[in-house]
Amino acid sequence: MKIEREEIDHLAEMSKLSLEEKEIEKLKSDLEEIVGFFDVLKQASIEGGENAEMVNVSETFEDGQREDLGTDKEGEQFLETKDEFLKIPKVFE
């Protein structure tokens, strides 16, 4: 996936970062590589694979409960939640 300069500028603005030109080019290249991995994952087949079964992570803890590292204030900054997940606006189209 091709990342446009405007998207990098938008990310930098949202992150309150001031980036030099070579940092922008490096970030753009890194993001394109990262997003490219998702295309590879979409093509991967897990049918019949050893790890094809979905696992609930909380079941992997001895007592069945995971330690909650949150402060319960995280959700106050988000407009929407769904099934205990925070919904964020799209960054890339």
PDB file of N, CA and C in Angstrom:
ATOM      1  N   MET A   1       0.851  -1.176   0.000  1.00  0.00           N
ATOM      2  CA  MET A   1       0.000   0.000   0.000  1.00  0.00           C
ATOM      3  C   MET A   1       0.897   1.239   0.000  1.00  0.00           C
ATOM      4  N   LYS A   2       0.548   2.145  -0.839  1.00  0.00           N
ATOM      5  CA  LYS A   2       1.293   3.395  -0.944  1.00  0.00           C
ATOM      6  C   LYS A   2       0.768   4.383   0.097  1.00  0.00           C
ATOM      7  N   ILE A   3       1.670   4.920   0.901  1.00  0.00           N
ATOM      8  CA  ILE A   3       1.318   5.926   1.904  1.00  0.00           C
ATOM      9  C   ILE A   3       1.639   7.296   1.305  1.00  0.00           C
ATOM     10  N   GLU A   4       0.695   8.177   1.361  1.00  0.00           N
ATOM     11  CA  GLU A   4       0.882   9.523   0.798  1.00  0.00           C
ATOM     12  C   GLU A   4       1.501  10.464   1.828  1.00  0.00           C
ATOM     13  N   ARG A   5       2.169  11.466   1.346  1.00  0.00           N
ATOM     14  CA  ARG A   5       2.822  12.464   2.203  1.00  0.00           C
ATOM     15  C   ARG A   5       1.805  13.139   3.123  1.00  0.00           C
ATOM     16  N   GLU A   6       0.608  13.398   2.598  1.00  0.00           N
ATOM     17  CA  GLU A   6      -0.429  14.047   3.404  1.00  0.00           C
ATOM     18  C   GLU A   6      -0.798  13.197   4.613  1.00  0.00           C
ATOM     19  N   GLU A   7      -0.780  11.873   4.456  1.00  0.00           N
ATOM     20  CA  GLU A   7      -1.108  10.979   5.566  1.00  0.00           C
ATOM     21  C   GLU A   7      -0.016  11.040   6.645  1.00  0.00           C
ATOM     22  N   ILE A   8       1.226  11.129   6.220  1.00  0.00           N
ATOM     23  CA  ILE A   8       2.323  11.262   7.178  1.00  0.00           C
ATOM     24  C   ILE A   8       2.215  12.593   7.916  1.00  0.00           C
ATOM     25  N   ASP A   9       1.920  13.650   7.176  1.00  0.00           N
ATOM     26  CA  ASP A   9       1.739  14.965   7.807  1.00  0.00           C
ATOM     27  C   ASP A   9       0.603  14.919   8.819  1.00  0.00           C
ATOM     28  N   HIS A  10      -0.484  14.240   8.460  1.00  0.00           N
ATOM     29  CA  HIS A  10      -1.642  14.124   9.351  1.00  0.00           C
ATOM     30  C   HIS A  10      -1.265  13.348  10.623  1.00  0.00           C
ATOM     31  N   LEU A  11      -0.540  12.236  10.460  1.00  0.00           N
ATOM     32  CA  LEU A  11      -0.105  11.456  11.621  1.00  0.00           C
ATOM     33  C   LEU A  11       0.810  12.280  12.528  1.00  0.00           C
ATOM     34  N   ALA A  12       1.730  13.004  11.917  1.00  0.00           N
ATOM     35  CA  ALA A  12       2.650  13.832  12.696  1.00  0.00           C
ATOM     36  C   ALA A  12       1.887  14.904  13.468  1.00  0.00           C
ATOM     37  N   GLU A  13       0.914  15.505  12.819  1.00  0.00           N
ATOM     38  CA  GLU A  13       0.105  16.538  13.481  1.00  0.00           C
ATOM     39  C   GLU A  13      -0.684  15.942  14.644  1.00  0.00           C
ATOM     40  N   MET A  14      -1.313  14.780  14.416  1.00  0.00           N
ATOM     41  CA  MET A  14      -2.084  14.130  15.482  1.00  0.00           C
ATOM     42  C   MET A  14      -1.187  13.732  16.649  1.00  0.00           C
ATOM     43  N   SER A  15       0.056  13.351  16.341  1.00  0.00           N
ATOM     44  CA  SER A  15       1.006  12.915  17.364  1.00  0.00           C
ATOM     45  C   SER A  15       1.779  14.080  17.974  1.00  0.00           C
ATOM     46  N   LYS A  16       1.516  15.271  17.448  1.00  0.00           N
ATOM     47  CA  LYS A  16       2.213  16.469  17.907  1.00  0.00           C
ATOM     48  C   LYS A  16       3.732  16.325  17.743  1.00  0.00           C
ATOM     49  N   LEU A  17       4.111  15.802  16.555  1.00  0.00           N
ATOM     50  CA  LEU A  17       5.524  15.628  16.227  1.00  0.00           C
ATOM     51  C   LEU A  17       5.959  16.636  15.187  1.00  0.00           C
ATOM     52  N   SER A  18       7.158  17.127  15.349  1.00  0.00           N
ATOM     53  CA  SER A  18       7.760  17.988  14.343  1.00  0.00           C
ATOM     54  C   SER A  18       8.862  17.156  13.689  1.00  0.00           C
ATOM     55  N   LEU A  19       8.661  16.779  12.431  1.00  0.00           N
ATOM     56  CA  LEU A  19       9.582  15.878  11.750  1.00  0.00           C
ATOM     57  C   LEU A  19      10.373  16.599  10.673  1.00  0.00           C
ATOM     58  N   GLU A  20      11.635  16.238  10.564  1.00  0.00           N
ATOM     59  CA  GLU A  20      12.460  16.737   9.480  1.00  0.00           C
ATOM     60  C   GLU A  20      12.174  15.897   8.232  1.00  0.00           C
ATOM     61  N   GLU A  21      12.586  16.401   7.088  1.00  0.00           N
ATOM     62  CA  GLU A  21      12.273  15.739   5.820  1.00  0.00           C
ATOM     63  C   GLU A  21      12.778  14.297   5.776  1.00  0.00           C
ATOM     64  N   LYS A  22      13.992  14.046   6.241  1.00  0.00           N
ATOM     65  CA  LYS A  22      14.512  12.673   6.183  1.00  0.00           C
ATOM     66  C   LYS A  22      13.757  11.759   7.148  1.00  0.00           C
ATOM     67  N   GLU A  23      13.264  12.308   8.255  1.00  0.00           N
ATOM     68  CA  GLU A  23      12.449  11.517   9.183  1.00  0.00           C
ATOM     69  C   GLU A  23      11.105  11.175   8.548  1.00  0.00           C
ATOM     70  N   ILE A  24      10.549  12.111   7.814  1.00  0.00           N
ATOM     71  CA  ILE A  24       9.276  11.879   7.126  1.00  0.00           C
ATOM     72  C   ILE A  24       9.433  10.762   6.107  1.00  0.00           C
ATOM     73  N   GLU A  25      10.508  10.805   5.318  1.00  0.00           N
ATOM     74  CA  GLU A  25      10.749   9.773   4.304  1.00  0.00           C
ATOM     75  C   GLU A  25      10.960   8.405   4.945  1.00  0.00           C
ATOM     76  N   LYS A  26      11.686   8.359   6.063  1.00  0.00           N
ATOM     77  CA  LYS A  26      11.923   7.100   6.779  1.00  0.00           C
ATOM     78  C   LYS A  26      10.617   6.560   7.335  1.00  0.00           C
ATOM     79  N   LEU A  27       9.819   7.411   7.941  1.00  0.00           N
ATOM     80  CA  LEU A  27       8.528   6.997   8.490  1.00  0.00           C
ATOM     81  C   LEU A  27       7.615   6.492   7.386  1.00  0.00           C
ATOM     82  N   LYS A  28       7.597   7.180   6.277  1.00  0.00           N
ATOM     83  CA  LYS A  28       6.767   6.782   5.134  1.00  0.00           C
ATOM     84  C   LYS A  28       7.189   5.396   4.649  1.00  0.00           C
ATOM     85  N   SER A  29       8.470   5.178   4.499  1.00  0.00           N
ATOM     86  CA  SER A  29       8.992   3.888   4.056  1.00  0.00           C
ATOM     87  C   SER A  29       8.659   2.783   5.061  1.00  0.00           C
ATOM     88  N   ASP A  30       8.860   3.056   6.350  1.00  0.00           N
ATOM     89  CA  ASP A  30       8.568   2.069   7.389  1.00  0.00           C
ATOM     90  C   ASP A  30       7.093   1.715   7.425  1.00  0.00           C
ATOM     91  N   LEU A  31       6.220   2.725   7.326  1.00  0.00           N
ATOM     92  CA  LEU A  31       4.780   2.471   7.358  1.00  0.00           C
ATOM     93  C   LEU A  31       4.332   1.660   6.148  1.00  0.00           C
ATOM     94  N   GLU A  32       4.888   1.953   4.974  1.00  0.00           N
ATOM     95  CA  GLU A  32       4.536   1.178   3.784  1.00  0.00           C
ATOM     96  C   GLU A  32       4.937  -0.285   3.954  1.00  0.00           C
ATOM     97  N   GLU A  33       6.085  -0.512   4.577  1.00  0.00           N
ATOM     98  CA  GLU A  33       6.532  -1.887   4.818  1.00  0.00           C
ATOM     99  C   GLU A  33       5.616  -2.590   5.820  1.00  0.00           C
ATOM    100  N   ILE A  34       5.261  -1.900   6.889  1.00  0.00           N
ATOM    101  CA  ILE A  34       4.382  -2.480   7.915  1.00  0.00           C
ATOM    102  C   ILE A  34       3.014  -2.818   7.323  1.00  0.00           C
ATOM    103  N   VAL A  35       2.437  -1.866   6.598  1.00  0.00           N
ATOM    104  CA  VAL A  35       1.121  -2.097   5.995  1.00  0.00           C
ATOM    105  C   VAL A  35       1.206  -3.236   4.981  1.00  0.00           C
ATOM    106  N   GLY A  36       2.339  -3.359   4.295  1.00  0.00           N
ATOM    107  CA  GLY A  36       2.532  -4.452   3.349  1.00  0.00           C
ATOM    108  C   GLY A  36       2.457  -5.820   4.016  1.00  0.00           C
ATOM    109  N   PHE A  37       2.882  -5.915   5.272  1.00  0.00           N
ATOM    110  CA  PHE A  37       2.795  -7.182   5.991  1.00  0.00           C
ATOM    111  C   PHE A  37       1.342  -7.618   6.164  1.00  0.00           C
ATOM    112  N   PHE A  38       0.436  -6.671   6.292  1.00  0.00           N
ATOM    113  CA  PHE A  38      -0.970  -7.030   6.435  1.00  0.00           C
ATOM    114  C   PHE A  38      -1.501  -7.669   5.155  1.00  0.00           C
ATOM    115  N   ASP A  39      -1.022  -7.213   4.009  1.00  0.00           N
ATOM    116  CA  ASP A  39      -1.403  -7.848   2.745  1.00  0.00           C
ATOM    117  C   ASP A  39      -0.917  -9.290   2.705  1.00  0.00           C
ATOM    118  N   VAL A  40       0.275  -9.523   3.206  1.00  0.00           N
ATOM    119  CA  VAL A  40       0.815 -10.889   3.265  1.00  0.00           C
ATOM    120  C   VAL A  40      -0.037 -11.746   4.196  1.00  0.00           C
ATOM    121  N   LEU A  41      -0.404 -11.191   5.343  1.00  0.00           N
ATOM    122  CA  LEU A  41      -1.223 -11.937   6.301  1.00  0.00           C
ATOM    123  C   LEU A  41      -2.598 -12.275   5.740  1.00  0.00           C
ATOM    124  N   LYS A  42      -3.170 -11.369   4.956  1.00  0.00           N
ATOM    125  CA  LYS A  42      -4.478 -11.626   4.358  1.00  0.00           C
ATOM    126  C   LYS A  42      -4.431 -12.837   3.443  1.00  0.00           C
ATOM    127  N   GLN A  43      -3.285 -13.076   2.829  1.00  0.00           N
ATOM    128  CA  GLN A  43      -3.149 -14.185   1.891  1.00  0.00           C
ATOM    129  C   GLN A  43      -2.785 -15.491   2.582  1.00  0.00           C
ATOM    130  N   ALA A  44      -2.381 -15.438   3.838  1.00  0.00           N
ATOM    131  CA  ALA A  44      -1.957 -16.637   4.558  1.00  0.00           C
ATOM    132  C   ALA A  44      -3.155 -17.523   4.860  1.00  0.00           C
ATOM    133  N   SER A  45      -2.954 -18.806   4.742  1.00  0.00           N
ATOM    134  CA  SER A  45      -4.001 -19.774   5.030  1.00  0.00           C
ATOM    135  C   SER A  45      -3.684 -20.463   6.346  1.00  0.00           C
ATOM    136  N   ILE A  46      -4.680 -20.527   7.217  1.00  0.00           N
ATOM    137  CA  ILE A  46      -4.489 -21.248   8.473  1.00  0.00           C
ATOM    138  C   ILE A  46      -5.304 -22.523   8.509  1.00  0.00           C
ATOM    139  N   GLU A  47      -6.007 -22.837   7.422  1.00  0.00           N
ATOM    140  CA  GLU A  47      -6.828 -24.044   7.397  1.00  0.00           C
ATOM    141  C   GLU A  47      -5.966 -25.269   7.616  1.00  0.00           C
ATOM    142  N   GLY A  48      -6.380 -26.085   8.556  1.00  0.00           N
ATOM    143  CA  GLY A  48      -5.661 -27.314   8.833  1.00  0.00           C
ATOM    144  C   GLY A  48      -4.338 -27.095   9.532  1.00  0.00           C
ATOM    145  N   GLY A  49      -4.034 -25.857   9.815  1.00  0.00           N
ATOM    146  CA  GLY A  49      -2.770 -25.552  10.480  1.00  0.00           C
ATOM    147  C   GLY A  49      -2.827 -25.870  11.955  1.00  0.00           C
ATOM    148  N   GLU A  50      -1.681 -26.035  12.528  1.00  0.00           N
ATOM    149  CA  GLU A  50      -1.557 -26.374  13.935  1.00  0.00           C
ATOM    150  C   GLU A  50      -2.163 -25.297  14.838  1.00  0.00           C
ATOM    151  N   ASN A  51      -2.098 -24.032  14.427  1.00  0.00           N
ATOM    152  CA  ASN A  51      -2.568 -22.926  15.253  1.00  0.00           C
ATOM    153  C   ASN A  51      -3.885 -22.340  14.745  1.00  0.00           C
ATOM    154  N   ALA A  52      -4.690 -23.136  14.064  1.00  0.00           N
ATOM    155  CA  ALA A  52      -5.898 -22.622  13.445  1.00  0.00           C
ATOM    156  C   ALA A  52      -6.987 -22.272  14.450  1.00  0.00           C
ATOM    157  N   GLU A  53      -6.902 -22.779  15.659  1.00  0.00           N
ATOM    158  CA  GLU A  53      -7.949 -22.547  16.652  1.00  0.00           C
ATOM    159  C   GLU A  53      -7.745 -21.201  17.340  1.00  0.00           C
ATOM    160  N   MET A  54      -8.831 -20.442  17.487  1.00  0.00           N
ATOM    161  CA  MET A  54      -8.762 -19.168  18.186  1.00  0.00           C
ATOM    162  C   MET A  54      -8.695 -19.436  19.695  1.00  0.00           C
ATOM    163  N   VAL A  55      -7.941 -18.630  20.397  1.00  0.00           N
ATOM    164  CA  VAL A  55      -7.759 -18.820  21.829  1.00  0.00           C
ATOM    165  C   VAL A  55      -8.117 -17.526  22.546  1.00  0.00           C
ATOM    166  N   ASN A  56      -8.876 -17.649  23.610  1.00  0.00           N
ATOM    167  CA  ASN A  56      -9.178 -16.508  24.456  1.00  0.00           C
ATOM    168  C   ASN A  56      -7.978 -16.299  25.369  1.00  0.00           C
ATOM    169  N   VAL A  57      -7.322 -15.167  25.246  1.00  0.00           N
ATOM    170  CA  VAL A  57      -6.087 -14.917  25.983  1.00  0.00           C
ATOM    171  C   VAL A  57      -6.304 -14.993  27.489  1.00  0.00           C
ATOM    172  N   SER A  58      -7.457 -14.544  27.972  1.00  0.00           N
ATOM    173  CA  SER A  58      -7.681 -14.564  29.423  1.00  0.00           C
ATOM    174  C   SER A  58      -7.727 -15.988  29.952  1.00  0.00           C
ATOM    175  N   GLU A  59      -7.996 -16.970  29.088  1.00  0.00           N
ATOM    176  CA  GLU A  59      -8.010 -18.366  29.528  1.00  0.00           C
ATOM    177  C   GLU A  59      -6.602 -18.911  29.725  1.00  0.00           C
ATOM    178  N   THR A  60      -5.603 -18.195  29.259  1.00  0.00           N
ATOM    179  CA  THR A  60      -4.232 -18.677  29.397  1.00  0.00           C
ATOM    180  C   THR A  60      -3.648 -18.354  30.765  1.00  0.00           C
ATOM    181  N   PHE A  61      -4.327 -17.525  31.543  1.00  0.00           N
ATOM    182  CA  PHE A  61      -3.852 -17.211  32.882  1.00  0.00           C
ATOM    183  C   PHE A  61      -4.384 -18.248  33.859  1.00  0.00           C
ATOM    184  N   GLU A  62      -3.595 -18.530  34.884  1.00  0.00           N
ATOM    185  CA  GLU A  62      -3.925 -19.581  35.828  1.00  0.00           C
ATOM    186  C   GLU A  62      -5.315 -19.434  36.434  1.00  0.00           C
ATOM    187  N   ASP A  63      -5.656 -18.251  36.884  1.00  0.00           N
ATOM    188  CA  ASP A  63      -6.939 -18.042  37.545  1.00  0.00           C
ATOM    189  C   ASP A  63      -8.041 -17.644  36.570  1.00  0.00           C
ATOM    190  N   GLY A  64      -7.735 -17.603  35.265  1.00  0.00           N
ATOM    191  CA  GLY A  64      -8.734 -17.246  34.263  1.00  0.00           C
ATOM    192  C   GLY A  64      -8.933 -15.753  34.119  1.00  0.00           C
ATOM    193  N   GLN A  65      -8.253 -14.977  34.933  1.00  0.00           N
ATOM    194  CA  GLN A  65      -8.394 -13.524  34.882  1.00  0.00           C
ATOM    195  C   GLN A  65      -7.064 -12.909  34.462  1.00  0.00           C
ATOM    196  N   ARG A  66      -7.145 -11.876  33.661  1.00  0.00           N
ATOM    197  CA  ARG A  66      -5.923 -11.177  33.291  1.00  0.00           C
ATOM    198  C   ARG A  66      -5.825  -9.922  34.136  1.00  0.00           C
ATOM    199  N   GLU A  67      -4.625  -9.501  34.365  1.00  0.00           N
ATOM    200  CA  GLU A  67      -4.413  -8.284  35.134  1.00  0.00           C
ATOM    201  C   GLU A  67      -4.839  -7.101  34.271  1.00  0.00           C
ATOM    202  N   ASP A  68      -5.673  -6.257  34.812  1.00  0.00           N
ATOM    203  CA  ASP A  68      -6.118  -5.074  34.083  1.00  0.00           C
ATOM    204  C   ASP A  68      -5.142  -3.945  34.378  1.00  0.00           C
ATOM    205  N   LEU A  69      -4.404  -3.540  33.339  1.00  0.00           N
ATOM    206  CA  LEU A  69      -3.400  -2.504  33.521  1.00  0.00           C
ATOM    207  C   LEU A  69      -3.959  -1.112  33.269  1.00  0.00           C
ATOM    208  N   GLY A  70      -5.221  -1.029  32.904  1.00  0.00           N
ATOM    209  CA  GLY A  70      -5.828   0.257  32.596  1.00  0.00           C
ATOM    210  C   GLY A  70      -6.219   1.028  33.844  1.00  0.00           C
ATOM    211  N   THR A  71      -6.599   2.268  33.623  1.00  0.00           N
ATOM    212  CA  THR A  71      -7.005   3.130  34.733  1.00  0.00           C
ATOM    213  C   THR A  71      -8.510   3.396  34.703  1.00  0.00           C
ATOM    214  N   ASP A  72      -9.192   2.785  33.729  1.00  0.00           N
ATOM    215  CA  ASP A  72     -10.625   3.000  33.502  1.00  0.00           C
ATOM    216  C   ASP A  72     -10.929   4.413  33.027  1.00  0.00           C
ATOM    217  N   LYS A  73      -9.912   5.215  32.758  1.00  0.00           N
ATOM    218  CA  LYS A  73     -10.123   6.561  32.235  1.00  0.00           C
ATOM    219  C   LYS A  73      -9.823   6.624  30.747  1.00  0.00           C
ATOM    220  N   GLU A  74      -9.291   5.521  30.192  1.00  0.00           N
ATOM    221  CA  GLU A  74      -8.931   5.528  28.779  1.00  0.00           C
ATOM    222  C   GLU A  74     -10.141   5.819  27.901  1.00  0.00           C
ATOM    223  N   GLY A  75     -11.253   5.211  28.224  1.00  0.00           N
ATOM    224  CA  GLY A  75     -12.455   5.342  27.417  1.00  0.00           C
ATOM    225  C   GLY A  75     -13.073   6.720  27.416  1.00  0.00           C
ATOM    226  N   GLU A  76     -12.735   7.538  28.371  1.00  0.00           N
ATOM    227  CA  GLU A  76     -13.303   8.882  28.449  1.00  0.00           C
ATOM    228  C   GLU A  76     -12.891   9.747  27.269  1.00  0.00           C
ATOM    229  N   GLN A  77     -11.778   9.412  26.615  1.00  0.00           N
ATOM    230  CA  GLN A  77     -11.279  10.203  25.504  1.00  0.00           C
ATOM    231  C   GLN A  77     -11.857   9.754  24.159  1.00  0.00           C
ATOM    232  N   PHE A  78     -12.590   8.654  24.143  1.00  0.00           N
ATOM    233  CA  PHE A  78     -13.114   8.108  22.901  1.00  0.00           C
ATOM    234  C   PHE A  78     -14.621   8.312  22.825  1.00  0.00           C
ATOM    235  N   LEU A  79     -15.078   8.634  21.631  1.00  0.00           N
ATOM    236  CA  LEU A  79     -16.498   8.890  21.444  1.00  0.00           C
ATOM    237  C   LEU A  79     -17.316   7.605  21.417  1.00  0.00           C
ATOM    238  N   GLU A  80     -16.718   6.530  20.919  1.00  0.00           N
ATOM    239  CA  GLU A  80     -17.462   5.289  20.761  1.00  0.00           C
ATOM    240  C   GLU A  80     -16.702   4.106  21.338  1.00  0.00           C
ATOM    241  N   THR A  81     -17.468   3.154  21.857  1.00  0.00           N
ATOM    242  CA  THR A  81     -16.913   1.870  22.247  1.00  0.00           C
ATOM    243  C   THR A  81     -17.817   0.792  21.688  1.00  0.00           C
ATOM    244  N   LYS A  82     -17.260  -0.382  21.514  1.00  0.00           N
ATOM    245  CA  LYS A  82     -18.052  -1.515  21.033  1.00  0.00           C
ATOM    246  C   LYS A  82     -17.480  -2.775  21.653  1.00  0.00           C
ATOM    247  N   ASP A  83     -18.318  -3.516  22.358  1.00  0.00           N
ATOM    248  CA  ASP A  83     -17.899  -4.766  22.991  1.00  0.00           C
ATOM    249  C   ASP A  83     -16.629  -4.583  23.819  1.00  0.00           C
ATOM    250  N   GLU A  84     -16.590  -3.551  24.636  1.00  0.00           N
ATOM    251  CA  GLU A  84     -15.471  -3.236  25.519  1.00  0.00           C
ATOM    252  C   GLU A  84     -14.211  -2.786  24.779  1.00  0.00           C
ATOM    253  N   PHE A  85     -14.307  -2.541  23.463  1.00  0.00           N
ATOM    254  CA  PHE A  85     -13.180  -2.041  22.689  1.00  0.00           C
ATOM    255  C   PHE A  85     -13.414  -0.568  22.387  1.00  0.00           C
ATOM    256  N   LEU A  86     -12.328   0.191  22.319  1.00  0.00           N
ATOM    257  CA  LEU A  86     -12.415   1.603  21.991  1.00  0.00           C
ATOM    258  C   LEU A  86     -12.356   1.758  20.484  1.00  0.00           C
ATOM    259  N   LYS A  87     -13.285   2.513  19.914  1.00  0.00           N
ATOM    260  CA  LYS A  87     -13.298   2.752  18.475  1.00  0.00           C
ATOM    261  C   LYS A  87     -12.593   4.066  18.190  1.00  0.00           C
ATOM    262  N   ILE A  88     -11.668   4.027  17.239  1.00  0.00           N
ATOM    263  CA  ILE A  88     -10.921   5.222  16.878  1.00  0.00           C
ATOM    264  C   ILE A  88     -11.203   5.562  15.426  1.00  0.00           C
ATOM    265  N   PRO A  89     -11.011   6.814  15.040  1.00  0.00           N
ATOM    266  CA  PRO A  89     -11.230   7.181  13.655  1.00  0.00           C
ATOM    267  C   PRO A  89     -10.167   6.572  12.764  1.00  0.00           C
ATOM    268  N   LYS A  90     -10.516   6.343  11.479  1.00  0.00           N
ATOM    269  CA  LYS A  90      -9.568   5.804  10.519  1.00  0.00           C
ATOM    270  C   LYS A  90      -8.393   6.755  10.355  1.00  0.00           C
ATOM    271  N   VAL A  91      -7.211   6.188  10.219  1.00  0.00           N
ATOM    272  CA  VAL A  91      -6.020   6.977   9.962  1.00  0.00           C
ATOM    273  C   VAL A  91      -5.679   6.900   8.478  1.00  0.00           C
ATOM    274  N   PHE A  92      -5.820   5.697   7.901  1.00  0.00           N
ATOM    275  CA  PHE A  92      -5.540   5.480   6.487  1.00  0.00           C
ATOM    276  C   PHE A  92      -6.838   5.139   5.779  1.00  0.00           C
ATOM    277  N   GLU A  93      -6.977   5.561   4.552  1.00  0.00           N
ATOM    278  CA  GLU A  93      -8.164   5.228   3.760  1.00  0.00           C
ATOM    279  C   GLU A  93      -8.019   3.851   3.159  1.00  0.00           C
TER     280      GLU A  93
END
